[in-house]
């Protein structure tokens, strides 16, 4: 039996969100305690967070595309309406988290 790739992608996205949140916490601490213009750690974190957020956006676009593919080929994929709704909610919730983080950096 093949594993549904959605769950692999979801886990990767959840791991990335956790990582970005941890980096963002450090970023905020540096923002409040250091001269950010001179802090190479702050600048590095800023760039790393931005890159991670871009990648998360791409990952969410990919997940959204696969959800649409499943919806368009219901006979081929044995996935319930509630599962599709759950997947859409995950994407929506995660997009909101990414947006909040993006706006703060």
PDB file of N, CA and C in Angstrom:
ATOM      1  N   UNK A   1       0.848  -1.195   0.000  1.00  0.00           N
ATOM      2  CA  UNK A   1       0.000   0.000   0.000  1.00  0.00           C
ATOM      3  C   UNK A   1       0.881   1.242   0.000  1.00  0.00           C
ATOM      4  N   UNK A   2       0.486   2.210  -0.785  1.00  0.00           N
ATOM      5  CA  UNK A   2       1.257   3.449  -0.833  1.00  0.00           C
ATOM      6  C   UNK A   2       0.747   4.414   0.225  1.00  0.00           C
ATOM      7  N   UNK A   3       1.655   5.195   0.731  1.00  0.00           N
ATOM      8  CA  UNK A   3       1.302   6.191   1.728  1.00  0.00           C
ATOM      9  C   UNK A   3       0.780   7.434   1.020  1.00  0.00           C
ATOM     10  N   UNK A   4      -0.260   8.004   1.560  1.00  0.00           N
ATOM     11  CA  UNK A   4      -0.815   9.236   1.008  1.00  0.00           C
ATOM     12  C   UNK A   4       0.238  10.338   1.162  1.00  0.00           C
ATOM     13  N   UNK A   5       0.701  10.906   0.051  1.00  0.00           N
ATOM     14  CA  UNK A   5       1.761  11.921   0.137  1.00  0.00           C
ATOM     15  C   UNK A   5       1.343  13.173   0.910  1.00  0.00           C
ATOM     16  N   UNK A   6       0.049  13.378   1.052  1.00  0.00           N
ATOM     17  CA  UNK A   6      -0.422  14.543   1.813  1.00  0.00           C
ATOM     18  C   UNK A   6       0.148  14.527   3.227  1.00  0.00           C
ATOM     19  N   UNK A   7       0.136  13.352   3.849  1.00  0.00           N
ATOM     20  CA  UNK A   7       0.580  13.280   5.243  1.00  0.00           C
ATOM     21  C   UNK A   7       2.073  13.548   5.375  1.00  0.00           C
ATOM     22  N   UNK A   8       2.836  13.143   4.384  1.00  0.00           N
ATOM     23  CA  UNK A   8       4.272  13.439   4.381  1.00  0.00           C
ATOM     24  C   UNK A   8       4.473  14.950   4.253  1.00  0.00           C
ATOM     25  N   UNK A   9       3.765  15.552   3.309  1.00  0.00           N
ATOM     26  CA  UNK A   9       3.874  17.003   3.103  1.00  0.00           C
ATOM     27  C   UNK A   9       3.394  17.762   4.335  1.00  0.00           C
ATOM     28  N   UNK A  10       2.300  17.306   4.921  1.00  0.00           N
ATOM     29  CA  UNK A  10       1.759  17.972   6.109  1.00  0.00           C
ATOM     30  C   UNK A  10       2.781  17.941   7.240  1.00  0.00           C
ATOM     31  N   UNK A  11       3.397  16.794   7.442  1.00  0.00           N
ATOM     32  CA  UNK A  11       4.389  16.668   8.512  1.00  0.00           C
ATOM     33  C   UNK A  11       5.591  17.580   8.252  1.00  0.00           C
ATOM     34  N   UNK A  12       6.021  17.647   6.996  1.00  0.00           N
ATOM     35  CA  UNK A  12       7.141  18.525   6.651  1.00  0.00           C
ATOM     36  C   UNK A  12       6.785  19.988   6.916  1.00  0.00           C
ATOM     37  N   UNK A  13       5.573  20.368   6.567  1.00  0.00           N
ATOM     38  CA  UNK A  13       5.127  21.747   6.789  1.00  0.00           C
ATOM     39  C   UNK A  13       5.043  22.038   8.284  1.00  0.00           C
ATOM     40  N   UNK A  14       4.505  21.101   9.047  1.00  0.00           N
ATOM     41  CA  UNK A  14       4.405  21.304  10.498  1.00  0.00           C
ATOM     42  C   UNK A  14       5.790  21.445  11.126  1.00  0.00           C
ATOM     43  N   UNK A  15       6.731  20.643  10.679  1.00  0.00           N
ATOM     44  CA  UNK A  15       8.105  20.722  11.179  1.00  0.00           C
ATOM     45  C   UNK A  15       8.720  22.071  10.815  1.00  0.00           C
ATOM     46  N   UNK A  16       8.485  22.516   9.589  1.00  0.00           N
ATOM     47  CA  UNK A  16       9.032  23.802   9.140  1.00  0.00           C
ATOM     48  C   UNK A  16       8.417  24.962   9.924  1.00  0.00           C
ATOM     49  N   UNK A  17       7.125  24.898  10.189  1.00  0.00           N
ATOM     50  CA  UNK A  17       6.462  25.955  10.972  1.00  0.00           C
ATOM     51  C   UNK A  17       7.068  26.018  12.372  1.00  0.00           C
ATOM     52  N   UNK A  18       7.291  24.868  12.968  1.00  0.00           N
ATOM     53  CA  UNK A  18       7.887  24.821  14.307  1.00  0.00           C
ATOM     54  C   UNK A  18       9.283  25.451  14.276  1.00  0.00           C
ATOM     55  N   UNK A  19      10.059  25.102  13.265  1.00  0.00           N
ATOM     56  CA  UNK A  19      11.413  25.639  13.122  1.00  0.00           C
ATOM     57  C   UNK A  19      11.373  27.162  12.945  1.00  0.00           C
ATOM     58  N   UNK A  20      10.477  27.633  12.088  1.00  0.00           N
ATOM     59  CA  UNK A  20      10.371  29.077  11.847  1.00  0.00           C
ATOM     60  C   UNK A  20       9.931  29.797  13.116  1.00  0.00           C
ATOM     61  N   UNK A  21       9.005  29.210  13.850  1.00  0.00           N
ATOM     62  CA  UNK A  21       8.571  29.830  15.106  1.00  0.00           C
ATOM     63  C   UNK A  21       9.728  29.961  16.088  1.00  0.00           C
ATOM     64  N   UNK A  22      10.553  28.934  16.172  1.00  0.00           N
ATOM     65  CA  UNK A  22      11.710  28.982  17.071  1.00  0.00           C
ATOM     66  C   UNK A  22      12.702  30.050  16.614  1.00  0.00           C
ATOM     67  N   UNK A  23      12.955  30.108  15.310  1.00  0.00           N
ATOM     68  CA  UNK A  23      13.864  31.135  14.787  1.00  0.00           C
ATOM     69  C   UNK A  23      13.272  32.527  15.019  1.00  0.00           C
ATOM     70  N   UNK A  24      11.967  32.641  14.842  1.00  0.00           N
ATOM     71  CA  UNK A  24      11.300  33.932  15.018  1.00  0.00           C
ATOM     72  C   UNK A  24      11.379  34.390  16.473  1.00  0.00           C
ATOM     73  N   UNK A  25      11.261  33.450  17.399  1.00  0.00           N
ATOM     74  CA  UNK A  25      11.402  33.803  18.818  1.00  0.00           C
ATOM     75  C   UNK A  25      12.789  34.382  19.090  1.00  0.00           C
ATOM     76  N   UNK A  26      13.807  33.732  18.542  1.00  0.00           N
ATOM     77  CA  UNK A  26      15.170  34.240  18.717  1.00  0.00           C
ATOM     78  C   UNK A  26      15.319  35.594  18.023  1.00  0.00           C
ATOM     79  N   UNK A  27      14.742  35.714  16.833  1.00  0.00           N
ATOM     80  CA  UNK A  27      14.786  36.963  16.066  1.00  0.00           C
ATOM     81  C   UNK A  27      14.187  38.110  16.884  1.00  0.00           C
ATOM     82  N   UNK A  28      13.021  37.859  17.496  1.00  0.00           N
ATOM     83  CA  UNK A  28      12.366  38.899  18.312  1.00  0.00           C
ATOM     84  C   UNK A  28      13.232  39.279  19.506  1.00  0.00           C
ATOM     85  N   UNK A  29      13.860  38.286  20.121  1.00  0.00           N
ATOM     86  CA  UNK A  29      14.722  38.565  21.268  1.00  0.00           C
ATOM     87  C   UNK A  29      15.899  39.442  20.837  1.00  0.00           C
ATOM     88  N   UNK A  30      16.499  39.106  19.715  1.00  0.00           N
ATOM     89  CA  UNK A  30      17.616  39.913  19.203  1.00  0.00           C
ATOM     90  C   UNK A  30      17.144  41.313  18.831  1.00  0.00           C
ATOM     91  N   UNK A  31      15.960  41.400  18.264  1.00  0.00           N
ATOM     92  CA  UNK A  31      15.396  42.694  17.877  1.00  0.00           C
ATOM     93  C   UNK A  31      15.293  43.618  19.087  1.00  0.00           C
ATOM     94  N   UNK A  32      14.961  43.043  20.215  1.00  0.00           N
ATOM     95  CA  UNK A  32      14.764  43.829  21.435  1.00  0.00           C
ATOM     96  C   UNK A  32      16.034  44.047  22.249  1.00  0.00           C
ATOM     97  N   UNK A  33      17.090  43.289  21.954  1.00  0.00           N
ATOM     98  CA  UNK A  33      18.266  43.366  22.826  1.00  0.00           C
ATOM     99  C   UNK A  33      19.556  43.769  22.121  1.00  0.00           C
ATOM    100  N   UNK A  34      19.560  43.795  20.805  1.00  0.00           N
ATOM    101  CA  UNK A  34      20.816  44.069  20.099  1.00  0.00           C
ATOM    102  C   UNK A  34      20.644  45.170  19.065  1.00  0.00           C
ATOM    103  N   UNK A  35      21.770  45.714  18.660  1.00  0.00           N
ATOM    104  CA  UNK A  35      21.780  46.637  17.532  1.00  0.00           C
ATOM    105  C   UNK A  35      21.666  45.771  16.282  1.00  0.00           C
ATOM    106  N   UNK A  36      20.479  45.730  15.716  1.00  0.00           N
ATOM    107  CA  UNK A  36      20.219  44.800  14.614  1.00  0.00           C
ATOM    108  C   UNK A  36      21.029  45.129  13.360  1.00  0.00           C
ATOM    109  N   UNK A  37      21.423  46.386  13.221  1.00  0.00           N
ATOM    110  CA  UNK A  37      22.238  46.760  12.060  1.00  0.00           C
ATOM    111  C   UNK A  37      23.623  46.125  12.130  1.00  0.00           C
ATOM    112  N   UNK A  38      24.079  45.848  13.345  1.00  0.00           N
ATOM    113  CA  UNK A  38      25.422  45.285  13.521  1.00  0.00           C
ATOM    114  C   UNK A  38      25.405  43.795  13.858  1.00  0.00           C
ATOM    115  N   UNK A  39      24.254  43.268  14.181  1.00  0.00           N
ATOM    116  CA  UNK A  39      24.166  41.867  14.606  1.00  0.00           C
ATOM    117  C   UNK A  39      24.108  40.945  13.396  1.00  0.00           C
ATOM    118  N   UNK A  40      25.203  40.227  13.174  1.00  0.00           N
ATOM    119  CA  UNK A  40      25.203  39.291  12.045  1.00  0.00           C
ATOM    120  C   UNK A  40      24.225  38.144  12.299  1.00  0.00           C
ATOM    121  N   UNK A  41      24.061  37.753  13.552  1.00  0.00           N
ATOM    122  CA  UNK A  41      23.107  36.681  13.868  1.00  0.00           C
ATOM    123  C   UNK A  41      21.686  37.119  13.510  1.00  0.00           C
ATOM    124  N   UNK A  42      21.344  38.352  13.844  1.00  0.00           N
ATOM    125  CA  UNK A  42      20.013  38.866  13.522  1.00  0.00           C
ATOM    126  C   UNK A  42      19.805  38.876  12.009  1.00  0.00           C
ATOM    127  N   UNK A  43      20.786  39.384  11.298  1.00  0.00           N
ATOM    128  CA  UNK A  43      20.668  39.469   9.839  1.00  0.00           C
ATOM    129  C   UNK A  43      20.571  38.078   9.213  1.00  0.00           C
ATOM    130  N   UNK A  44      21.367  37.157   9.737  1.00  0.00           N
ATOM    131  CA  UNK A  44      21.319  35.780   9.238  1.00  0.00           C
ATOM    132  C   UNK A  44      19.938  35.173   9.498  1.00  0.00           C
ATOM    133  N   UNK A  45      19.446  35.342  10.711  1.00  0.00           N
ATOM    134  CA  UNK A  45      18.126  34.813  11.061  1.00  0.00           C
ATOM    135  C   UNK A  45      17.038  35.422  10.187  1.00  0.00           C
ATOM    136  N   UNK A  46      17.137  36.715   9.969  1.00  0.00           N
ATOM    137  CA  UNK A  46      16.139  37.401   9.147  1.00  0.00           C
ATOM    138  C   UNK A  46      16.075  36.770   7.752  1.00  0.00           C
ATOM    139  N   UNK A  47      17.236  36.561   7.164  1.00  0.00           N
ATOM    140  CA  UNK A  47      17.290  35.945   5.838  1.00  0.00           C
ATOM    141  C   UNK A  47      16.790  34.509   5.847  1.00  0.00           C
ATOM    142  N   UNK A  48      17.171  33.780   6.885  1.00  0.00           N
ATOM    143  CA  UNK A  48      16.763  32.382   6.988  1.00  0.00           C
ATOM    144  C   UNK A  48      15.245  32.265   7.174  1.00  0.00           C
ATOM    145  N   UNK A  49      14.690  33.113   8.014  1.00  0.00           N
ATOM    146  CA  UNK A  49      13.240  33.106   8.235  1.00  0.00           C
ATOM    147  C   UNK A  49      12.514  33.438   6.934  1.00  0.00           C
ATOM    148  N   UNK A  50      12.984  34.450   6.236  1.00  0.00           N
ATOM    149  CA  UNK A  50      12.349  34.836   4.970  1.00  0.00           C
ATOM    150  C   UNK A  50      12.372  33.677   3.972  1.00  0.00           C
ATOM    151  N   UNK A  51      13.500  32.997   3.891  1.00  0.00           N
ATOM    152  CA  UNK A  51      13.616  31.856   2.983  1.00  0.00           C
ATOM    153  C   UNK A  51      12.688  30.714   3.370  1.00  0.00           C
ATOM    154  N   UNK A  52      12.619  30.427   4.659  1.00  0.00           N
ATOM    155  CA  UNK A  52      11.733  29.364   5.142  1.00  0.00           C
ATOM    156  C   UNK A  52      10.268  29.704   4.857  1.00  0.00           C
ATOM    157  N   UNK A  53       9.909  30.967   5.052  1.00  0.00           N
ATOM    158  CA  UNK A  53       8.522  31.375   4.801  1.00  0.00           C
ATOM    159  C   UNK A  53       8.177  31.264   3.318  1.00  0.00           C
ATOM    160  N   UNK A  54       9.121  31.616   2.455  1.00  0.00           N
ATOM    161  CA  UNK A  54       8.894  31.458   1.006  1.00  0.00           C
ATOM    162  C   UNK A  54       8.688  29.982   0.673  1.00  0.00           C
ATOM    163  N   UNK A  55       9.535  29.132   1.242  1.00  0.00           N
ATOM    164  CA  UNK A  55       9.422  27.699   0.971  1.00  0.00           C
ATOM    165  C   UNK A  55       8.095  27.148   1.489  1.00  0.00           C
ATOM    166  N   UNK A  56       7.686  27.604   2.652  1.00  0.00           N
ATOM    167  CA  UNK A  56       6.392  27.172   3.189  1.00  0.00           C
ATOM    168  C   UNK A  56       5.255  27.579   2.256  1.00  0.00           C
ATOM    169  N   UNK A  57       5.348  28.768   1.706  1.00  0.00           N
ATOM    170  CA  UNK A  57       4.320  29.219   0.767  1.00  0.00           C
ATOM    171  C   UNK A  57       4.267  28.289  -0.445  1.00  0.00           C
ATOM    172  N   UNK A  58       5.431  27.922  -0.970  1.00  0.00           N
ATOM    173  CA  UNK A  58       5.470  26.991  -2.109  1.00  0.00           C
ATOM    174  C   UNK A  58       4.884  25.634  -1.718  1.00  0.00           C
ATOM    175  N   UNK A  59       5.249  25.154  -0.536  1.00  0.00           N
ATOM    176  CA  UNK A  59       4.732  23.863  -0.078  1.00  0.00           C
ATOM    177  C   UNK A  59       3.208  23.897   0.039  1.00  0.00           C
ATOM    178  N   UNK A  60       2.689  24.994   0.568  1.00  0.00           N
ATOM    179  CA  UNK A  60       1.234  25.119   0.706  1.00  0.00           C
ATOM    180  C   UNK A  60       0.555  25.207  -0.660  1.00  0.00           C
ATOM    181  N   UNK A  61       1.211  25.853  -1.608  1.00  0.00           N
ATOM    182  CA  UNK A  61       0.666  25.884  -2.972  1.00  0.00           C
ATOM    183  C   UNK A  61       0.601  24.468  -3.545  1.00  0.00           C
ATOM    184  N   UNK A  62       1.649  23.683  -3.302  1.00  0.00           N
ATOM    185  CA  UNK A  62       1.672  22.302  -3.789  1.00  0.00           C
ATOM    186  C   UNK A  62       0.558  21.475  -3.150  1.00  0.00           C
ATOM    187  N   UNK A  63       0.387  21.626  -1.849  1.00  0.00           N
ATOM    188  CA  UNK A  63      -0.666  20.876  -1.157  1.00  0.00           C
ATOM    189  C   UNK A  63      -2.036  21.289  -1.692  1.00  0.00           C
ATOM    190  N   UNK A  64      -2.226  22.582  -1.898  1.00  0.00           N
ATOM    191  CA  UNK A  64      -3.494  23.073  -2.440  1.00  0.00           C
ATOM    192  C   UNK A  64      -3.751  22.477  -3.824  1.00  0.00           C
ATOM    193  N   UNK A  65      -2.716  22.403  -4.633  1.00  0.00           N
ATOM    194  CA  UNK A  65      -2.861  21.824  -5.976  1.00  0.00           C
ATOM    195  C   UNK A  65      -3.254  20.350  -5.897  1.00  0.00           C
ATOM    196  N   UNK A  66      -2.672  19.630  -4.955  1.00  0.00           N
ATOM    197  CA  UNK A  66      -3.028  18.210  -4.844  1.00  0.00           C
ATOM    198  C   UNK A  66      -4.449  18.038  -4.318  1.00  0.00           C
ATOM    199  N   UNK A  67      -4.873  18.927  -3.439  1.00  0.00           N
ATOM    200  CA  UNK A  67      -6.264  18.871  -2.960  1.00  0.00           C
ATOM    201  C   UNK A  67      -7.214  19.086  -4.142  1.00  0.00           C
ATOM    202  N   UNK A  68      -6.899  20.052  -4.975  1.00  0.00           N
ATOM    203  CA  UNK A  68      -7.734  20.314  -6.161  1.00  0.00           C
ATOM    204  C   UNK A  68      -7.747  19.113  -7.100  1.00  0.00           C
ATOM    205  N   UNK A  69      -6.594  18.481  -7.253  1.00  0.00           N
ATOM    206  CA  UNK A  69      -6.506  17.314  -8.119  1.00  0.00           C
ATOM    207  C   UNK A  69      -7.402  16.190  -7.586  1.00  0.00           C
ATOM    208  N   UNK A  70      -7.381  15.999  -6.286  1.00  0.00           N
ATOM    209  CA  UNK A  70      -8.234  14.981  -5.669  1.00  0.00           C
ATOM    210  C   UNK A  70      -9.708  15.327  -5.895  1.00  0.00           C
ATOM    211  N   UNK A  71     -10.045  16.590  -5.702  1.00  0.00           N
ATOM    212  CA  UNK A  71     -11.442  17.010  -5.889  1.00  0.00           C
ATOM    213  C   UNK A  71     -11.901  16.808  -7.339  1.00  0.00           C
ATOM    214  N   UNK A  72     -10.995  17.034  -8.270  1.00  0.00           N
ATOM    215  CA  UNK A  72     -11.340  16.901  -9.687  1.00  0.00           C
ATOM    216  C   UNK A  72     -11.382  15.452 -10.153  1.00  0.00           C
ATOM    217  N   UNK A  73     -10.828  14.549  -9.374  1.00  0.00           N
ATOM    218  CA  UNK A  73     -10.766  13.129  -9.749  1.00  0.00           C
ATOM    219  C   UNK A  73     -11.277  12.258  -8.612  1.00  0.00           C
ATOM    220  N   UNK A  74     -12.480  12.543  -8.173  1.00  0.00           N
ATOM    221  CA  UNK A  74     -13.028  11.856  -7.000  1.00  0.00           C
ATOM    222  C   UNK A  74     -13.070  10.337  -7.171  1.00  0.00           C
ATOM    223  N   UNK A  75     -13.322   9.867  -8.371  1.00  0.00           N
ATOM    224  CA  UNK A  75     -13.415   8.420  -8.580  1.00  0.00           C
ATOM    225  C   UNK A  75     -12.064   7.737  -8.362  1.00  0.00           C
ATOM    226  N   UNK A  76     -11.007   8.438  -8.674  1.00  0.00           N
ATOM    227  CA  UNK A  76      -9.660   7.863  -8.565  1.00  0.00           C
ATOM    228  C   UNK A  76      -9.155   7.848  -7.121  1.00  0.00           C
ATOM    229  N   UNK A  77      -9.570   8.827  -6.337  1.00  0.00           N
ATOM    230  CA  UNK A  77      -9.068   8.959  -4.971  1.00  0.00           C
ATOM    231  C   UNK A  77     -10.180   8.667  -3.975  1.00  0.00           C
ATOM    232  N   UNK A  78      -9.928   7.763  -3.086  1.00  0.00           N
ATOM    233  CA  UNK A  78     -10.925   7.378  -2.083  1.00  0.00           C
ATOM    234  C   UNK A  78     -10.766   8.253  -0.841  1.00  0.00           C
ATOM    235  N   UNK A  79     -11.127   9.511  -0.984  1.00  0.00           N
ATOM    236  CA  UNK A  79     -10.978  10.454   0.122  1.00  0.00           C
ATOM    237  C   UNK A  79     -12.332  11.104   0.381  1.00  0.00           C
ATOM    238  N   UNK A  80     -12.725  11.108   1.633  1.00  0.00           N
ATOM    239  CA  UNK A  80     -14.044  11.629   2.000  1.00  0.00           C
ATOM    240  C   UNK A  80     -14.077  13.157   1.942  1.00  0.00           C
ATOM    241  N   UNK A  81     -15.290  13.671   1.885  1.00  0.00           N
ATOM    242  CA  UNK A  81     -15.474  15.126   1.907  1.00  0.00           C
ATOM    243  C   UNK A  81     -14.900  15.724   3.187  1.00  0.00           C
ATOM    244  N   UNK A  82     -15.092  15.030   4.295  1.00  0.00           N
ATOM    245  CA  UNK A  82     -14.587  15.566   5.565  1.00  0.00           C
ATOM    246  C   UNK A  82     -13.057  15.583   5.580  1.00  0.00           C
ATOM    247  N   UNK A  83     -12.437  14.601   4.943  1.00  0.00           N
ATOM    248  CA  UNK A  83     -10.970  14.592   4.866  1.00  0.00           C
ATOM    249  C   UNK A  83     -10.484  15.745   3.990  1.00  0.00           C
ATOM    250  N   UNK A  84     -11.161  15.978   2.895  1.00  0.00           N
ATOM    251  CA  UNK A  84     -10.792  17.109   2.030  1.00  0.00           C
ATOM    252  C   UNK A  84     -10.959  18.420   2.793  1.00  0.00           C
ATOM    253  N   UNK A  85     -12.052  18.544   3.523  1.00  0.00           N
ATOM    254  CA  UNK A  85     -12.283  19.755   4.321  1.00  0.00           C
ATOM    255  C   UNK A  85     -11.187  19.924   5.372  1.00  0.00           C
ATOM    256  N   UNK A  86     -10.787  18.828   5.982  1.00  0.00           N
ATOM    257  CA  UNK A  86      -9.723  18.864   6.984  1.00  0.00           C
ATOM    258  C   UNK A  86      -8.406  19.332   6.360  1.00  0.00           C
ATOM    259  N   UNK A  87      -8.121  18.852   5.173  1.00  0.00           N
ATOM    260  CA  UNK A  87      -6.894  19.246   4.482  1.00  0.00           C
ATOM    261  C   UNK A  87      -6.930  20.726   4.111  1.00  0.00           C
ATOM    262  N   UNK A  88      -8.080  21.172   3.649  1.00  0.00           N
ATOM    263  CA  UNK A  88      -8.219  22.596   3.307  1.00  0.00           C
ATOM    264  C   UNK A  88      -8.057  23.467   4.549  1.00  0.00           C
ATOM    265  N   UNK A  89      -8.597  23.008   5.661  1.00  0.00           N
ATOM    266  CA  UNK A  89      -8.473  23.763   6.913  1.00  0.00           C
ATOM    267  C   UNK A  89      -7.010  23.837   7.344  1.00  0.00           C
ATOM    268  N   UNK A  90      -6.297  22.731   7.216  1.00  0.00           N
ATOM    269  CA  UNK A  90      -4.873  22.729   7.554  1.00  0.00           C
ATOM    270  C   UNK A  90      -4.132  23.773   6.716  1.00  0.00           C
ATOM    271  N   UNK A  91      -4.399  23.786   5.414  1.00  0.00           N
ATOM    272  CA  UNK A  91      -3.736  24.748   4.528  1.00  0.00           C
ATOM    273  C   UNK A  91      -4.100  26.173   4.941  1.00  0.00           C
ATOM    274  N   UNK A  92      -5.368  26.411   5.187  1.00  0.00           N
ATOM    275  CA  UNK A  92      -5.826  27.749   5.561  1.00  0.00           C
ATOM    276  C   UNK A  92      -5.195  28.203   6.878  1.00  0.00           C
ATOM    277  N   UNK A  93      -5.230  27.335   7.874  1.00  0.00           N
ATOM    278  CA  UNK A  93      -4.649  27.672   9.181  1.00  0.00           C
ATOM    279  C   UNK A  93      -3.147  27.937   9.063  1.00  0.00           C
ATOM    280  N   UNK A  94      -2.477  27.102   8.285  1.00  0.00           N
ATOM    281  CA  UNK A  94      -1.032  27.255   8.133  1.00  0.00           C
ATOM    282  C   UNK A  94      -0.701  28.518   7.348  1.00  0.00           C
ATOM    283  N   UNK A  95      -1.486  28.806   6.317  1.00  0.00           N
ATOM    284  CA  UNK A  95      -1.289  30.057   5.561  1.00  0.00           C
ATOM    285  C   UNK A  95      -1.406  31.269   6.485  1.00  0.00           C
ATOM    286  N   UNK A  96      -2.375  31.216   7.391  1.00  0.00           N
ATOM    287  CA  UNK A  96      -2.542  32.325   8.337  1.00  0.00           C
ATOM    288  C   UNK A  96      -1.313  32.473   9.227  1.00  0.00           C
ATOM    289  N   UNK A  97      -0.765  31.358   9.687  1.00  0.00           N
ATOM    290  CA  UNK A  97       0.450  31.405  10.512  1.00  0.00           C
ATOM    291  C   UNK A  97       1.612  31.999   9.724  1.00  0.00           C
ATOM    292  N   UNK A  98       1.748  31.566   8.477  1.00  0.00           N
ATOM    293  CA  UNK A  98       2.824  32.075   7.621  1.00  0.00           C
ATOM    294  C   UNK A  98       2.644  33.575   7.394  1.00  0.00           C
ATOM    295  N   UNK A  99       1.410  33.993   7.164  1.00  0.00           N
ATOM    296  CA  UNK A  99       1.135  35.410   6.924  1.00  0.00           C
ATOM    297  C   UNK A  99       1.501  36.254   8.150  1.00  0.00           C
ATOM    298  N   UNK A 100       1.129  35.783   9.329  1.00  0.00           N
ATOM    299  CA  UNK A 100       1.449  36.515  10.559  1.00  0.00           C
ATOM    300  C   UNK A 100       2.967  36.641  10.720  1.00  0.00           C
ATOM    301  N   UNK A 101       3.669  35.550  10.492  1.00  0.00           N
ATOM    302  CA  UNK A 101       5.130  35.583  10.610  1.00  0.00           C
ATOM    303  C   UNK A 101       5.746  36.505   9.553  1.00  0.00           C
ATOM    304  N   UNK A 102       5.241  36.408   8.338  1.00  0.00           N
ATOM    305  CA  UNK A 102       5.773  37.231   7.247  1.00  0.00           C
ATOM    306  C   UNK A 102       5.594  38.712   7.548  1.00  0.00           C
ATOM    307  N   UNK A 103       4.443  39.064   8.079  1.00  0.00           N
ATOM    308  CA  UNK A 103       4.172  40.472   8.380  1.00  0.00           C
ATOM    309  C   UNK A 103       5.031  40.996   9.525  1.00  0.00           C
ATOM    310  N   UNK A 104       5.517  40.107  10.365  1.00  0.00           N
ATOM    311  CA  UNK A 104       6.269  40.574  11.535  1.00  0.00           C
ATOM    312  C   UNK A 104       7.769  40.716  11.271  1.00  0.00           C
ATOM    313  N   UNK A 105       8.256  40.137  10.174  1.00  0.00           N
ATOM    314  CA  UNK A 105       9.705  40.242   9.908  1.00  0.00           C
ATOM    315  C   UNK A 105      10.018  41.282   8.846  1.00  0.00           C
TER     316      UNK A 105
END
